[in-house]
Amino acid sequence: MYKDALRSGIPERGAFVFYDCLCPSKDGPVNWGHCGISLGDGQIIHAWDVIRIDGYTEIERLTALTGNHPKYLGWVPLERVLNQKPRV
């Protein structure tokens, strides 16, 4: 949904931060992804079993139930999330 707006590097405060992440489903692993919100200074608040704060690159070291690790995709500024593009 935000692929055209993804930015790289350290996410700015308030940005939505996105990761590829395979998750288990009844039909096998599915890339449901993972996301969090940037607190600034590279820190992300997100839910991984519990609500936690991790560095945006540290999240790639977490292990999903599939045994895979999230892969950092980038971040999107909050204003882009709030200003949705109209669906065609």
C-alpha atoms as a PDB file:
ATOM      1  CA  MET A   1       0.000   0.000   0.000  1.00  0.00           C
ATOM      2  CA  TYR A   2       2.870   2.397   0.772  1.00  0.00           C
ATOM      3  CA  LYS A   3       5.517   0.885  -1.507  1.00  0.00           C
ATOM      4  CA  ASP A   4       5.679   4.055  -3.611  1.00  0.00           C
ATOM      5  CA  ALA A   5       6.377   6.169  -0.500  1.00  0.00           C
ATOM      6  CA  LEU A   6       8.917   3.997   1.381  1.00  0.00           C
ATOM      7  CA  ARG A   7      12.038   5.805   2.547  1.00  0.00           C
ATOM      8  CA  SER A   8      15.281   4.216   3.691  1.00  0.00           C
ATOM      9  CA  GLY A   9      17.554   4.987   6.609  1.00  0.00           C
ATOM     10  CA  ILE A  10      16.690   5.932  10.161  1.00  0.00           C
ATOM     11  CA  PRO A  11      12.917   6.452  10.478  1.00  0.00           C
ATOM     12  CA  GLU A  12      11.764   9.899  11.606  1.00  0.00           C
ATOM     13  CA  ARG A  13       9.687  10.264  14.783  1.00  0.00           C
ATOM     14  CA  GLY A  14       6.059   9.246  14.239  1.00  0.00           C
ATOM     15  CA  ALA A  15       6.771   7.350  10.996  1.00  0.00           C
ATOM     16  CA  PHE A  16       5.289   3.937  10.285  1.00  0.00           C
ATOM     17  CA  VAL A  17       8.115   1.414   9.854  1.00  0.00           C
ATOM     18  CA  PHE A  18       7.607  -1.709   7.701  1.00  0.00           C
ATOM     19  CA  TYR A  19       9.214  -5.159   7.524  1.00  0.00           C
ATOM     20  CA  ASP A  20       8.739  -8.268   5.401  1.00  0.00           C
ATOM     21  CA  CYS A  21       7.847 -11.089   7.767  1.00  0.00           C
ATOM     22  CA  LEU A  22       6.589 -14.603   7.107  1.00  0.00           C
ATOM     23  CA  CYS A  23       3.897 -15.689   9.553  1.00  0.00           C
ATOM     24  CA  PRO A  24       2.254 -19.094   9.947  1.00  0.00           C
ATOM     25  CA  SER A  25      -1.249 -19.712   8.610  1.00  0.00           C
ATOM     26  CA  LYS A  26      -3.412 -22.776   8.085  1.00  0.00           C
ATOM     27  CA  ASP A  27      -2.264 -22.811   4.431  1.00  0.00           C
ATOM     28  CA  GLY A  28       1.445 -22.421   5.210  1.00  0.00           C
ATOM     29  CA  PRO A  29       3.685 -19.370   5.694  1.00  0.00           C
ATOM     30  CA  VAL A  30       2.248 -16.036   4.510  1.00  0.00           C
ATOM     31  CA  ASN A  31       4.044 -12.682   4.302  1.00  0.00           C
ATOM     32  CA  TRP A  32       1.766 -10.677   6.581  1.00  0.00           C
ATOM     33  CA  GLY A  33       4.614  -8.319   7.310  1.00  0.00           C
ATOM     34  CA  HIS A  34       5.356  -6.462  10.513  1.00  0.00           C
ATOM     35  CA  CYS A  35       5.171  -2.775  11.376  1.00  0.00           C
ATOM     36  CA  GLY A  36       5.811  -0.378  14.197  1.00  0.00           C
ATOM     37  CA  ILE A  37       5.907   3.328  14.945  1.00  0.00           C
ATOM     38  CA  SER A  38       9.153   5.268  15.208  1.00  0.00           C
ATOM     39  CA  LEU A  39       9.878   7.010  18.495  1.00  0.00           C
ATOM     40  CA  GLY A  40      12.850   8.791  16.920  1.00  0.00           C
ATOM     41  CA  ASP A  41      16.594   8.064  17.286  1.00  0.00           C
ATOM     42  CA  GLY A  42      16.105   4.685  15.556  1.00  0.00           C
ATOM     43  CA  GLN A  43      13.785   3.295  18.259  1.00  0.00           C
ATOM     44  CA  ILE A  44      10.562   1.525  17.198  1.00  0.00           C
ATOM     45  CA  ILE A  45       7.572   0.624  19.342  1.00  0.00           C
ATOM     46  CA  HIS A  46       5.900  -2.548  18.087  1.00  0.00           C
ATOM     47  CA  ALA A  47       4.228  -5.738  19.248  1.00  0.00           C
ATOM     48  CA  TRP A  48       6.218  -8.988  19.191  1.00  0.00           C
ATOM     49  CA  ASP A  49       4.437 -11.237  21.705  1.00  0.00           C
ATOM     50  CA  VAL A  50       4.400  -8.143  23.946  1.00  0.00           C
ATOM     51  CA  ILE A  51       4.575  -4.396  23.333  1.00  0.00           C
ATOM     52  CA  ARG A  52       8.265  -3.543  23.170  1.00  0.00           C
ATOM     53  CA  ILE A  53      10.798  -0.986  21.967  1.00  0.00           C
ATOM     54  CA  ASP A  54      13.685  -2.060  19.742  1.00  0.00           C
ATOM     55  CA  GLY A  55      16.137  -0.399  17.406  1.00  0.00           C
ATOM     56  CA  TYR A  56      14.853  -0.501  13.829  1.00  0.00           C
ATOM     57  CA  THR A  57      17.719  -2.784  12.740  1.00  0.00           C
ATOM     58  CA  GLU A  58      17.471  -4.955  15.888  1.00  0.00           C
ATOM     59  CA  ILE A  59      13.980  -6.062  14.811  1.00  0.00           C
ATOM     60  CA  GLU A  60      15.637  -8.023  11.981  1.00  0.00           C
ATOM     61  CA  ARG A  61      17.200 -10.283  14.639  1.00  0.00           C
ATOM     62  CA  LEU A  62      13.819 -11.370  16.037  1.00  0.00           C
ATOM     63  CA  THR A  63      12.589 -14.842  15.062  1.00  0.00           C
ATOM     64  CA  ALA A  64       9.044 -15.371  13.807  1.00  0.00           C
ATOM     65  CA  LEU A  65       7.115 -18.593  14.483  1.00  0.00           C
ATOM     66  CA  THR A  66       8.103 -19.715  10.975  1.00  0.00           C
ATOM     67  CA  GLY A  67      11.790 -19.476  11.979  1.00  0.00           C
ATOM     68  CA  ASN A  68      12.351 -16.540   9.625  1.00  0.00           C
ATOM     69  CA  HIS A  69      13.458 -13.042  10.590  1.00  0.00           C
ATOM     70  CA  PRO A  70      11.756  -9.750   9.668  1.00  0.00           C
ATOM     71  CA  LYS A  71      13.495  -7.815   6.869  1.00  0.00           C
ATOM     72  CA  TYR A  72      13.503  -4.010   7.042  1.00  0.00           C
ATOM     73  CA  LEU A  73      11.656  -2.460   4.079  1.00  0.00           C
ATOM     74  CA  GLY A  74      11.669   1.204   5.078  1.00  0.00           C
ATOM     75  CA  TRP A  75       9.445   3.839   6.597  1.00  0.00           C
ATOM     76  CA  VAL A  76       6.619   6.157   5.610  1.00  0.00           C
ATOM     77  CA  PRO A  77       6.034   9.595   7.167  1.00  0.00           C
ATOM     78  CA  LEU A  78       2.910   9.872   9.305  1.00  0.00           C
ATOM     79  CA  GLU A  79       1.412  12.542   7.042  1.00  0.00           C
ATOM     80  CA  ARG A  80       1.540  10.076   4.094  1.00  0.00           C
ATOM     81  CA  VAL A  81      -0.382   7.526   6.156  1.00  0.00           C
ATOM     82  CA  LEU A  82      -2.987  10.104   7.168  1.00  0.00           C
ATOM     83  CA  ASN A  83      -3.370  11.416   3.583  1.00  0.00           C
ATOM     84  CA  GLN A  84      -4.453   8.227   1.836  1.00  0.00           C
ATOM     85  CA  LYS A  85      -4.331   8.178  -1.936  1.00  0.00           C
ATOM     86  CA  PRO A  86      -7.792   7.568  -3.427  1.00  0.00           C
ATOM     87  CA  ARG A  87      -8.371   4.019  -4.657  1.00  0.00           C
ATOM     88  CA  VAL A  88      -8.835   3.656  -8.376  1.00  0.00           C
END
